Amino acid sequence: MQVDVIDLQFQGQNGAIAAFLVSGPEGKFLIETGPESTLDVMQEGLKSRGITVSDLEAVFVTHIHLDHAGAAGWFADQGVPLYVHTKGARHLISPERLLESAREVYGERFEPLWGGMTPAPAEKVVAMADGDVVEVGGLKIKAVNAPGHAYHQHAFLIDDVCFPGDAAGARLGGGDFISVTSAPPQFNLEDTLETIDNLSSLGFGRLFLTHYGEIEDIAEHLASYREAVELNALFIRQRIEEGMDSETLRVAYEAFQMEQAFRERVPPELWQTYQIINGSDMCADGIRLYWEKMLASERSAKKTL
């Protein structure tokens, strides 16, 4: 099996969003598509490798967020079978709700960032559940539930290779700083930690992050990511308990993230790429919403005692 990393050059940035061309003994397929705004780059990347869309046996997406699956419907519309989590399939077939939500978040930035989302023909969408195994291109691809960042997320295992989507964080430029992928509205601390522990137990020998590329020090990376998730979640909880409002919390979280990045010698231009693909404002909101629900539940439970 061969894994070829295609840099989608999102927003003109190198090493921000990857798609993976996997070659097996009987064919080739993609894991992740990136957004529709990078389709030209994707097609050029395939062409430079002697591949056309019609040569692809399938497309797999770890979850339906636009940076991972925005172009998935386009591939399905070209006749390529599309594999996705059972909870995400209907949103690729009918993406109106997903697009409406994204437009509310991004406003006039939506089109330049994401481009759009072509509805996937229902007959081309294959929903996968936890533990499902399909054979494509002479390889067996196993779906493993990986919630925490999103309920509808899979890590895909092929032999000893793992593609975890956003379940193992974002790590750019080969450095040591790992950005916690905690976009709202589905971030869940307990699920995230459980998923990291599960990934750590699987014993795979290669790890490929959508943001970005192959990770060599797998055990150290997963342990460091777990620590980062706990540290940043605790920071947000403490600020909420101090009564900090959401806007001030965003500023505080960005400063906290920048301090961590500075310690790991992240250059300014790479920090800007982190902000493009996993902005600190968005991540602060995701963790804040999680804690607000949890703290409200704790208060409610105390009242009933």
C-alpha atoms as a PDB file:
ATOM      1  CA  MET A   1       0.000   0.000   0.000  1.00  0.00           C
ATOM      2  CA  GLN A   2       1.179   3.504  -0.851  1.00  0.00           C
ATOM      3  CA  VAL A   3      -0.095   6.740   0.722  1.00  0.00           C
ATOM      4  CA  ASP A   4       0.441   9.937  -1.257  1.00  0.00           C
ATOM      5  CA  VAL A   5      -0.239  13.234   0.531  1.00  0.00           C
ATOM      6  CA  ILE A   6      -1.913  15.832  -1.687  1.00  0.00           C
ATOM      7  CA  ASP A   7      -1.478  19.381  -0.404  1.00  0.00           C
ATOM      8  CA  LEU A   8      -4.699  21.241  -1.188  1.00  0.00           C
ATOM      9  CA  GLN A   9      -3.035  24.637  -0.624  1.00  0.00           C
ATOM     10  CA  PHE A  10      -6.072  25.943   1.224  1.00  0.00           C
ATOM     11  CA  GLN A  11      -6.227  29.748   1.051  1.00  0.00           C
ATOM     12  CA  GLY A  12      -2.823  29.670  -0.607  1.00  0.00           C
ATOM     13  CA  GLN A  13      -1.216  28.041   2.428  1.00  0.00           C
ATOM     14  CA  ASN A  14       1.116  25.073   2.083  1.00  0.00           C
ATOM     15  CA  GLY A  15       0.666  22.262   4.580  1.00  0.00           C
ATOM     16  CA  ALA A  16      -2.779  23.288   5.896  1.00  0.00           C
ATOM     17  CA  ILE A  17      -5.246  20.693   4.540  1.00  0.00           C
ATOM     18  CA  ALA A  18      -4.317  17.321   3.099  1.00  0.00           C
ATOM     19  CA  ALA A  19      -6.112  14.702   1.083  1.00  0.00           C
ATOM     20  CA  PHE A  20      -4.650  11.216   0.822  1.00  0.00           C
ATOM     21  CA  LEU A  21      -4.382   9.162  -2.347  1.00  0.00           C
ATOM     22  CA  VAL A  22      -4.158   5.537  -1.276  1.00  0.00           C
ATOM     23  CA  SER A  23      -2.918   2.997  -3.812  1.00  0.00           C
ATOM     24  CA  GLY A  24      -3.681  -0.673  -3.309  1.00  0.00           C
ATOM     25  CA  PRO A  25      -2.892  -3.696  -5.461  1.00  0.00           C
ATOM     26  CA  GLU A  26      -6.206  -3.377  -7.318  1.00  0.00           C
ATOM     27  CA  GLY A  27      -6.942   0.337  -7.428  1.00  0.00           C
ATOM     28  CA  LYS A  28      -6.730   3.797  -5.888  1.00  0.00           C
ATOM     29  CA  PHE A  29      -9.013   5.824  -3.642  1.00  0.00           C
ATOM     30  CA  LEU A  30      -9.071   9.065  -1.675  1.00  0.00           C
ATOM     31  CA  ILE A  31      -9.352   9.686   2.025  1.00  0.00           C
ATOM     32  CA  GLU A  32     -10.645  13.258   2.576  1.00  0.00           C
ATOM     33  CA  THR A  33     -11.545  15.644  -0.240  1.00  0.00           C
ATOM     34  CA  GLY A  34     -11.013  19.054   1.281  1.00  0.00           C
ATOM     35  CA  PRO A  35     -13.458  21.870   0.422  1.00  0.00           C
ATOM     36  CA  GLU A  36     -14.902  22.621  -2.995  1.00  0.00           C
ATOM     37  CA  SER A  37     -12.790  25.776  -3.051  1.00  0.00           C
ATOM     38  CA  THR A  38      -9.702  23.589  -3.524  1.00  0.00           C
ATOM     39  CA  LEU A  39     -11.129  21.306  -6.225  1.00  0.00           C
ATOM     40  CA  ASP A  40      -8.873  22.731  -8.921  1.00  0.00           C
ATOM     41  CA  VAL A  41      -5.814  22.024  -6.776  1.00  0.00           C
ATOM     42  CA  MET A  42      -7.096  18.525  -6.018  1.00  0.00           C
ATOM     43  CA  GLN A  43      -7.637  17.711  -9.673  1.00  0.00           C
ATOM     44  CA  GLU A  44      -4.233  19.081 -10.586  1.00  0.00           C
ATOM     45  CA  GLY A  45      -2.700  16.978  -7.810  1.00  0.00           C
ATOM     46  CA  LEU A  46      -4.352  13.874  -9.191  1.00  0.00           C
ATOM     47  CA  LYS A  47      -3.359  14.758 -12.753  1.00  0.00           C
ATOM     48  CA  SER A  48       0.279  15.227 -11.769  1.00  0.00           C
ATOM     49  CA  ARG A  49       0.181  11.671 -10.437  1.00  0.00           C
ATOM     50  CA  GLY A  50      -1.358  10.315 -13.617  1.00  0.00           C
ATOM     51  CA  ILE A  51      -4.830   9.962 -12.085  1.00  0.00           C
ATOM     52  CA  THR A  52      -8.241  11.215 -13.181  1.00  0.00           C
ATOM     53  CA  VAL A  53     -11.435  11.204 -11.131  1.00  0.00           C
ATOM     54  CA  SER A  54     -12.731   8.249 -13.169  1.00  0.00           C
ATOM     55  CA  ASP A  55      -9.713   6.218 -12.000  1.00  0.00           C
ATOM     56  CA  LEU A  56     -10.787   6.439  -8.354  1.00  0.00           C
ATOM     57  CA  GLU A  57     -12.464   3.416  -6.816  1.00  0.00           C
ATOM     58  CA  ALA A  58     -13.941   5.374  -3.896  1.00  0.00           C
ATOM     59  CA  VAL A  59     -13.738   8.407  -1.637  1.00  0.00           C
ATOM     60  CA  PHE A  60     -13.766   8.173   2.170  1.00  0.00           C
ATOM     61  CA  VAL A  61     -14.328  11.153   4.476  1.00  0.00           C
ATOM     62  CA  THR A  62     -13.616  11.044   8.197  1.00  0.00           C
ATOM     63  CA  HIS A  63     -16.430  13.517   8.943  1.00  0.00           C
ATOM     64  CA  ILE A  64     -18.585  16.026   7.111  1.00  0.00           C
ATOM     65  CA  HIS A  65     -16.991  19.346   8.114  1.00  0.00           C
ATOM     66  CA  LEU A  66     -16.270  21.427   5.025  1.00  0.00           C
ATOM     67  CA  ASP A  67     -12.482  21.310   5.338  1.00  0.00           C
ATOM     68  CA  HIS A  68     -12.645  17.509   5.182  1.00  0.00           C
ATOM     69  CA  ALA A  69     -15.681  16.740   3.023  1.00  0.00           C
ATOM     70  CA  GLY A  70     -16.784  19.916   1.278  1.00  0.00           C
ATOM     71  CA  ALA A  71     -15.940  18.440  -2.136  1.00  0.00           C
ATOM     72  CA  ALA A  72     -17.212  14.933  -1.340  1.00  0.00           C
ATOM     73  CA  GLY A  73     -20.562  15.449  -3.061  1.00  0.00           C
ATOM     74  CA  TRP A  74     -18.819  16.644  -6.218  1.00  0.00           C
ATOM     75  CA  PHE A  75     -16.830  13.389  -6.411  1.00  0.00           C
ATOM     76  CA  ALA A  76     -19.987  11.357  -5.816  1.00  0.00           C
ATOM     77  CA  ASP A  77     -21.733  13.356  -8.548  1.00  0.00           C
ATOM     78  CA  GLN A  78     -18.925  12.250 -10.898  1.00  0.00           C
ATOM     79  CA  GLY A  79     -19.843   8.634 -10.103  1.00  0.00           C
ATOM     80  CA  VAL A  80     -17.321   7.844  -7.364  1.00  0.00           C
ATOM     81  CA  PRO A  81     -18.727   5.862  -4.382  1.00  0.00           C
ATOM     82  CA  LEU A  82     -18.604   7.945  -1.199  1.00  0.00           C
ATOM     83  CA  TYR A  83     -18.101   6.356   2.236  1.00  0.00           C
ATOM     84  CA  VAL A  84     -19.077   8.307   5.347  1.00  0.00           C
ATOM     85  CA  HIS A  85     -20.266   7.862   8.939  1.00  0.00           C
ATOM     86  CA  THR A  86     -23.906   6.798   9.311  1.00  0.00           C
ATOM     87  CA  LYS A  87     -24.677  10.077  11.134  1.00  0.00           C
ATOM     88  CA  GLY A  88     -23.158  12.169   8.366  1.00  0.00           C
ATOM     89  CA  ALA A  89     -24.540  10.496   5.238  1.00  0.00           C
ATOM     90  CA  ARG A  90     -27.828  12.419   5.025  1.00  0.00           C
ATOM     91  CA  HIS A  91     -26.007  15.749   5.306  1.00  0.00           C
ATOM     92  CA  LEU A  92     -23.905  14.958   2.240  1.00  0.00           C
ATOM     93  CA  ILE A  93     -27.001  13.949   0.293  1.00  0.00           C
ATOM     94  CA  SER A  94     -28.912  17.060   1.409  1.00  0.00           C
ATOM     95  CA  PRO A  95     -26.325  19.609   2.577  1.00  0.00           C
ATOM     96  CA  GLU A  96     -28.701  22.588   2.881  1.00  0.00           C
ATOM     97  CA  ARG A  97     -28.757  22.611   6.689  1.00  0.00           C
ATOM     98  CA  LEU A  98     -24.989  22.202   6.876  1.00  0.00           C
ATOM     99  CA  LEU A  99     -24.464  25.059   4.426  1.00  0.00           C
ATOM    100  CA  GLU A 100     -26.935  27.321   6.221  1.00  0.00           C
ATOM    101  CA  SER A 101     -25.122  26.786   9.498  1.00  0.00           C
ATOM    102  CA  ALA A 102     -21.736  27.438   7.920  1.00  0.00           C
ATOM    103  CA  ARG A 103     -22.954  30.631   6.232  1.00  0.00           C
ATOM    104  CA  GLU A 104     -24.223  31.909   9.585  1.00  0.00           C
ATOM    105  CA  VAL A 105     -20.761  31.376  11.057  1.00  0.00           C
ATOM    106  CA  TYR A 106     -18.632  32.667   8.178  1.00  0.00           C
ATOM    107  CA  GLY A 107     -20.910  35.251   6.559  1.00  0.00           C
ATOM    108  CA  GLU A 108     -19.385  36.831   3.463  1.00  0.00           C
ATOM    109  CA  ARG A 109     -16.206  34.812   3.998  1.00  0.00           C
ATOM    110  CA  PHE A 110     -18.057  31.576   3.230  1.00  0.00           C
ATOM    111  CA  GLU A 111     -17.646  31.493  -0.551  1.00  0.00           C
ATOM    112  CA  PRO A 112     -13.919  32.405  -0.620  1.00  0.00           C
ATOM    113  CA  LEU A 113     -13.199  29.861   2.107  1.00  0.00           C
ATOM    114  CA  TRP A 114     -15.354  26.907   1.139  1.00  0.00           C
ATOM    115  CA  GLY A 115     -16.832  27.484  -2.308  1.00  0.00           C
ATOM    116  CA  GLY A 116     -20.038  25.519  -1.749  1.00  0.00           C
ATOM    117  CA  MET A 117     -21.123  21.889  -1.439  1.00  0.00           C
ATOM    118  CA  THR A 118     -22.562  19.760  -4.246  1.00  0.00           C
ATOM    119  CA  PRO A 119     -25.309  17.373  -3.052  1.00  0.00           C
ATOM    120  CA  ALA A 120     -24.176  13.768  -3.300  1.00  0.00           C
ATOM    121  CA  PRO A 121     -26.444  11.361  -5.237  1.00  0.00           C
ATOM    122  CA  ALA A 122     -27.992   9.084  -2.622  1.00  0.00           C
ATOM    123  CA  GLU A 123     -27.176   5.948  -4.592  1.00  0.00           C
ATOM    124  CA  LYS A 124     -23.470   6.797  -4.421  1.00  0.00           C
ATOM    125  CA  VAL A 125     -23.346   7.295  -0.640  1.00  0.00           C
ATOM    126  CA  VAL A 126     -22.367   4.328   1.530  1.00  0.00           C
ATOM    127  CA  ALA A 127     -22.959   4.784   5.271  1.00  0.00           C
ATOM    128  CA  MET A 128     -20.444   3.053   7.525  1.00  0.00           C
ATOM    129  CA  ALA A 129     -20.929   2.160  11.193  1.00  0.00           C
ATOM    130  CA  ASP A 130     -18.331   1.532  13.869  1.00  0.00           C
ATOM    131  CA  GLY A 131     -16.319  -1.585  13.052  1.00  0.00           C
ATOM    132  CA  ASP A 132     -17.526  -1.875   9.471  1.00  0.00           C
ATOM    133  CA  VAL A 133     -14.910  -3.131   7.007  1.00  0.00           C
ATOM    134  CA  VAL A 134     -15.060  -2.646   3.254  1.00  0.00           C
ATOM    135  CA  GLU A 135     -12.628  -3.823   0.592  1.00  0.00           C
ATOM    136  CA  VAL A 136     -11.591  -1.263  -2.013  1.00  0.00           C
ATOM    137  CA  GLY A 137      -8.609  -1.412  -4.347  1.00  0.00           C
ATOM    138  CA  GLY A 138      -7.566  -4.717  -2.835  1.00  0.00           C
ATOM    139  CA  LEU A 139      -7.296  -3.188   0.646  1.00  0.00           C
ATOM    140  CA  LYS A 140      -9.513  -3.565   3.714  1.00  0.00           C
ATOM    141  CA  ILE A 141     -10.624  -0.271   5.242  1.00  0.00           C
ATOM    142  CA  LYS A 142     -12.040  -0.365   8.775  1.00  0.00           C
ATOM    143  CA  ALA A 143     -14.145   2.421  10.264  1.00  0.00           C
ATOM    144  CA  VAL A 144     -13.575   3.151  13.950  1.00  0.00           C
ATOM    145  CA  ASN A 145     -15.840   5.594  15.775  1.00  0.00           C
ATOM    146  CA  ALA A 146     -13.839   8.645  16.865  1.00  0.00           C
ATOM    147  CA  PRO A 147     -16.230  11.137  18.514  1.00  0.00           C
ATOM    148  CA  GLY A 148     -15.208  14.178  20.519  1.00  0.00           C
ATOM    149  CA  HIS A 149     -14.537  16.657  17.741  1.00  0.00           C
ATOM    150  CA  ALA A 150     -17.760  15.563  16.013  1.00  0.00           C
ATOM    151  CA  TYR A 151     -20.287  12.814  16.702  1.00  0.00           C
ATOM    152  CA  HIS A 152     -20.142  11.744  13.065  1.00  0.00           C
ATOM    153  CA  GLN A 153     -16.374  11.116  12.879  1.00  0.00           C
ATOM    154  CA  HIS A 154     -14.498   7.962  11.944  1.00  0.00           C
ATOM    155  CA  ALA A 155     -10.857   7.100  12.054  1.00  0.00           C
ATOM    156  CA  PHE A 156     -10.025   4.819   9.136  1.00  0.00           C
ATOM    157  CA  LEU A 157      -7.609   1.928   9.608  1.00  0.00           C
ATOM    158  CA  ILE A 158      -5.891   0.247   6.664  1.00  0.00           C
ATOM    159  CA  ASP A 159      -3.402  -2.424   7.714  1.00  0.00           C
ATOM    160  CA  ASP A 160      -1.239  -0.546  10.250  1.00  0.00           C
ATOM    161  CA  VAL A 161      -2.069   2.929   8.925  1.00  0.00           C
ATOM    162  CA  CYS A 162      -4.522   5.301  10.634  1.00  0.00           C
ATOM    163  CA  PHE A 163      -6.329   8.353   9.249  1.00  0.00           C
ATOM    164  CA  PRO A 164      -8.020   9.969  12.295  1.00  0.00           C
ATOM    165  CA  GLY A 165      -9.527  13.119  10.779  1.00  0.00           C
ATOM    166  CA  ASP A 166      -9.521  15.696  13.581  1.00  0.00           C
ATOM    167  CA  ALA A 167      -9.495  13.141  16.399  1.00  0.00           C
ATOM    168  CA  ALA A 168      -5.750  13.592  16.959  1.00  0.00           C
ATOM    169  CA  GLY A 169      -5.518  17.371  16.638  1.00  0.00           C
ATOM    170  CA  ALA A 170      -3.791  19.661  14.160  1.00  0.00           C
ATOM    171  CA  ARG A 171       0.000  19.738  13.925  1.00  0.00           C
ATOM    172  CA  LEU A 172       1.543  21.803  11.160  1.00  0.00           C
ATOM    173  CA  GLY A 173       5.026  22.280   9.800  1.00  0.00           C
ATOM    174  CA  GLY A 174       6.570  19.301  11.563  1.00  0.00           C
ATOM    175  CA  GLY A 175       6.802  21.181  14.866  1.00  0.00           C
ATOM    176  CA  ASP A 176       5.796  20.136  18.374  1.00  0.00           C
ATOM    177  CA  PHE A 177       2.826  22.467  18.892  1.00  0.00           C
ATOM    178  CA  ILE A 178      -0.522  20.661  18.618  1.00  0.00           C
ATOM    179  CA  SER A 179      -3.701  22.692  18.179  1.00  0.00           C
ATOM    180  CA  VAL A 180      -6.800  21.327  19.906  1.00  0.00           C
ATOM    181  CA  THR A 181      -9.566  20.823  17.332  1.00  0.00           C
ATOM    182  CA  SER A 182     -12.584  21.924  19.378  1.00  0.00           C
ATOM    183  CA  ALA A 183     -14.915  23.636  16.914  1.00  0.00           C
ATOM    184  CA  PRO A 184     -18.545  24.005  18.024  1.00  0.00           C
ATOM    185  CA  PRO A 185     -21.131  22.711  18.380  1.00  0.00           C
ATOM    186  CA  GLN A 186     -20.219  19.065  19.047  1.00  0.00           C
ATOM    187  CA  PHE A 187     -16.952  19.217  21.006  1.00  0.00           C
ATOM    188  CA  ASN A 188     -17.125  16.866  23.981  1.00  0.00           C
ATOM    189  CA  LEU A 189     -14.235  16.536  26.413  1.00  0.00           C
ATOM    190  CA  GLU A 190     -14.933  13.024  27.679  1.00  0.00           C
ATOM    191  CA  ASP A 191     -15.469  11.641  24.176  1.00  0.00           C
ATOM    192  CA  THR A 192     -12.301  13.339  22.925  1.00  0.00           C
ATOM    193  CA  LEU A 193     -10.159  11.825  25.678  1.00  0.00           C
ATOM    194  CA  GLU A 194     -11.744   8.393  25.230  1.00  0.00           C
ATOM    195  CA  THR A 195     -11.087   8.542  21.488  1.00  0.00           C
ATOM    196  CA  ILE A 196      -7.432   9.480  22.029  1.00  0.00           C
ATOM    197  CA  ASP A 197      -7.053   6.573  24.460  1.00  0.00           C
ATOM    198  CA  ASN A 198      -8.683   4.226  21.960  1.00  0.00           C
ATOM    199  CA  LEU A 199      -6.395   5.371  19.164  1.00  0.00           C
ATOM    200  CA  SER A 200      -3.402   4.888  21.445  1.00  0.00           C
ATOM    201  CA  SER A 201      -4.458   1.298  22.109  1.00  0.00           C
ATOM    202  CA  LEU A 202      -4.814   0.292  18.459  1.00  0.00           C
ATOM    203  CA  GLY A 203      -1.093  -0.144  17.830  1.00  0.00           C
ATOM    204  CA  PHE A 204      -0.939   1.234  14.298  1.00  0.00           C
ATOM    205  CA  GLY A 205       2.464   2.044  12.866  1.00  0.00           C
ATOM    206  CA  ARG A 206       1.665   5.094  10.711  1.00  0.00           C
ATOM    207  CA  LEU A 207      -0.531   8.125  11.397  1.00  0.00           C
ATOM    208  CA  PHE A 208      -1.699  10.721   8.858  1.00  0.00           C
ATOM    209  CA  LEU A 209      -3.335  13.973   9.978  1.00  0.00           C
ATOM    210  CA  THR A 210      -5.571  15.940   7.656  1.00  0.00           C
ATOM    211  CA  HIS A 211      -3.899  18.973   9.291  1.00  0.00           C
ATOM    212  CA  TYR A 212      -1.170  17.982   8.352  1.00  0.00           C
ATOM    213  CA  GLY A 213       0.606  14.931   6.964  1.00  0.00           C
ATOM    214  CA  GLU A 214       2.402  11.950   8.459  1.00  0.00           C
ATOM    215  CA  ILE A 215       3.336  11.946  12.147  1.00  0.00           C
ATOM    216  CA  GLU A 216       6.470   9.989  13.033  1.00  0.00           C
ATOM    217  CA  ASP A 217       6.331  10.006  16.852  1.00  0.00           C
ATOM    218  CA  ILE A 218       2.871   8.468  17.180  1.00  0.00           C
ATOM    219  CA  ALA A 219       2.806   7.536  20.883  1.00  0.00           C
ATOM    220  CA  GLU A 220       4.357  10.836  21.935  1.00  0.00           C
ATOM    221  CA  HIS A 221       1.999  12.786  19.684  1.00  0.00           C
ATOM    222  CA  LEU A 222      -1.135  11.155  21.093  1.00  0.00           C
ATOM    223  CA  ALA A 223       0.071  11.567  24.675  1.00  0.00           C
ATOM    224  CA  SER A 224       0.902  15.228  24.035  1.00  0.00           C
ATOM    225  CA  TYR A 225      -2.435  15.815  22.395  1.00  0.00           C
ATOM    226  CA  ARG A 226      -4.288  14.310  25.343  1.00  0.00           C
ATOM    227  CA  GLU A 227      -2.388  16.624  27.662  1.00  0.00           C
ATOM    228  CA  ALA A 228      -3.165  19.634  25.448  1.00  0.00           C
ATOM    229  CA  VAL A 229      -6.888  18.827  25.391  1.00  0.00           C
ATOM    230  CA  GLU A 230      -7.045  18.588  29.186  1.00  0.00           C
ATOM    231  CA  LEU A 231      -4.956  21.733  29.685  1.00  0.00           C
ATOM    232  CA  ASN A 232      -6.984  23.902  27.322  1.00  0.00           C
ATOM    233  CA  ALA A 233     -10.327  22.595  28.542  1.00  0.00           C
ATOM    234  CA  LEU A 234      -9.328  23.379  32.132  1.00  0.00           C
ATOM    235  CA  PHE A 235      -8.267  26.899  31.127  1.00  0.00           C
ATOM    236  CA  ILE A 236     -11.689  27.599  29.605  1.00  0.00           C
ATOM    237  CA  ARG A 237     -13.541  26.184  32.614  1.00  0.00           C
ATOM    238  CA  GLN A 238     -11.555  28.342  35.013  1.00  0.00           C
ATOM    239  CA  ARG A 239     -12.288  31.487  33.005  1.00  0.00           C
ATOM    240  CA  ILE A 240     -16.019  30.666  32.933  1.00  0.00           C
ATOM    241  CA  GLU A 241     -16.024  30.122  36.699  1.00  0.00           C
ATOM    242  CA  GLU A 242     -14.348  33.519  37.083  1.00  0.00           C
ATOM    243  CA  GLY A 243     -17.300  35.056  35.234  1.00  0.00           C
ATOM    244  CA  MET A 244     -15.491  35.918  32.009  1.00  0.00           C
ATOM    245  CA  ASP A 245     -17.817  36.782  29.098  1.00  0.00           C
ATOM    246  CA  SER A 246     -17.545  34.983  25.765  1.00  0.00           C
ATOM    247  CA  GLU A 247     -15.755  37.767  23.854  1.00  0.00           C
ATOM    248  CA  THR A 248     -13.129  38.275  26.562  1.00  0.00           C
ATOM    249  CA  LEU A 249     -12.747  34.517  26.788  1.00  0.00           C
ATOM    250  CA  ARG A 250     -11.916  34.356  23.088  1.00  0.00           C
ATOM    251  CA  VAL A 251      -9.140  36.902  23.569  1.00  0.00           C
ATOM    252  CA  ALA A 252      -7.820  35.110  26.651  1.00  0.00           C
ATOM    253  CA  TYR A 253      -7.817  31.758  24.896  1.00  0.00           C
ATOM    254  CA  GLU A 254      -5.955  33.124  21.893  1.00  0.00           C
ATOM    255  CA  ALA A 255      -3.312  34.578  24.202  1.00  0.00           C
ATOM    256  CA  PHE A 256      -3.067  31.227  26.012  1.00  0.00           C
ATOM    257  CA  GLN A 257      -2.653  29.419  22.699  1.00  0.00           C
ATOM    258  CA  MET A 258      -0.073  31.915  21.466  1.00  0.00           C
ATOM    259  CA  GLU A 259       1.931  31.411  24.648  1.00  0.00           C
ATOM    260  CA  GLN A 260       2.008  27.660  24.031  1.00  0.00           C
ATOM    261  CA  ALA A 261       2.932  28.163  20.381  1.00  0.00           C
ATOM    262  CA  PHE A 262       5.700  30.607  21.326  1.00  0.00           C
ATOM    263  CA  ARG A 263       7.222  28.051  23.700  1.00  0.00           C
ATOM    264  CA  GLU A 264       7.275  25.546  20.834  1.00  0.00           C
ATOM    265  CA  ARG A 265       8.908  28.148  18.547  1.00  0.00           C
ATOM    266  CA  VAL A 266       6.043  28.308  16.076  1.00  0.00           C
ATOM    267  CA  PRO A 267       6.962  31.032  13.536  1.00  0.00           C
ATOM    268  CA  PRO A 268       4.415  33.835  12.976  1.00  0.00           C
ATOM    269  CA  GLU A 269       3.521  32.701   9.464  1.00  0.00           C
ATOM    270  CA  LEU A 270       2.756  29.184  10.700  1.00  0.00           C
ATOM    271  CA  TRP A 271       0.652  30.587  13.546  1.00  0.00           C
ATOM    272  CA  GLN A 272      -1.432  32.368  10.921  1.00  0.00           C
ATOM    273  CA  THR A 273      -1.970  29.057   9.123  1.00  0.00           C
ATOM    274  CA  TYR A 274      -3.165  27.505  12.393  1.00  0.00           C
ATOM    275  CA  GLN A 275      -5.617  30.384  12.710  1.00  0.00           C
ATOM    276  CA  ILE A 276      -6.917  29.779   9.191  1.00  0.00           C
ATOM    277  CA  ILE A 277      -7.608  26.074   9.637  1.00  0.00           C
ATOM    278  CA  ASN A 278      -8.417  25.924  13.371  1.00  0.00           C
ATOM    279  CA  GLY A 279      -9.028  29.447  14.628  1.00  0.00           C
ATOM    280  CA  SER A 280      -8.679  30.049  18.359  1.00  0.00           C
ATOM    281  CA  ASP A 281     -11.966  32.028  18.492  1.00  0.00           C
ATOM    282  CA  MET A 282     -13.882  29.070  17.095  1.00  0.00           C
ATOM    283  CA  CYS A 283     -12.108  26.592  19.363  1.00  0.00           C
ATOM    284  CA  ALA A 284     -12.739  28.730  22.451  1.00  0.00           C
ATOM    285  CA  ASP A 285     -16.442  28.775  21.584  1.00  0.00           C
ATOM    286  CA  GLY A 286     -16.526  25.000  21.222  1.00  0.00           C
ATOM    287  CA  ILE A 287     -14.997  24.338  24.627  1.00  0.00           C
ATOM    288  CA  ARG A 288     -17.065  27.106  26.251  1.00  0.00           C
ATOM    289  CA  LEU A 289     -20.334  25.646  24.949  1.00  0.00           C
ATOM    290  CA  TYR A 290     -19.323  22.231  26.273  1.00  0.00           C
ATOM    291  CA  TRP A 291     -18.610  23.601  29.760  1.00  0.00           C
ATOM    292  CA  GLU A 292     -21.742  25.733  29.857  1.00  0.00           C
ATOM    293  CA  LYS A 293     -23.830  22.621  29.268  1.00  0.00           C
ATOM    294  CA  MET A 294     -21.861  20.618  31.830  1.00  0.00           C
ATOM    295  CA  LEU A 295     -21.933  23.317  34.510  1.00  0.00           C
ATOM    296  CA  ALA A 296     -25.665  23.853  33.982  1.00  0.00           C
ATOM    297  CA  SER A 297     -26.170  20.115  34.406  1.00  0.00           C
ATOM    298  CA  GLU A 298     -24.069  20.143  37.606  1.00  0.00           C
ATOM    299  CA  ARG A 299     -26.126  23.020  39.038  1.00  0.00           C
ATOM    300  CA  SER A 300     -29.343  21.260  38.152  1.00  0.00           C
ATOM    301  CA  ALA A 301     -28.171  18.045  39.809  1.00  0.00           C
ATOM    302  CA  LYS A 302     -27.293  19.912  43.032  1.00  0.00           C
ATOM    303  CA  LYS A 303     -30.753  21.468  43.197  1.00  0.00           C
ATOM    304  CA  THR A 304     -32.374  18.043  43.138  1.00  0.00           C
ATOM    305  CA  LEU A 305     -30.328  16.755  46.070  1.00  0.00           C
END
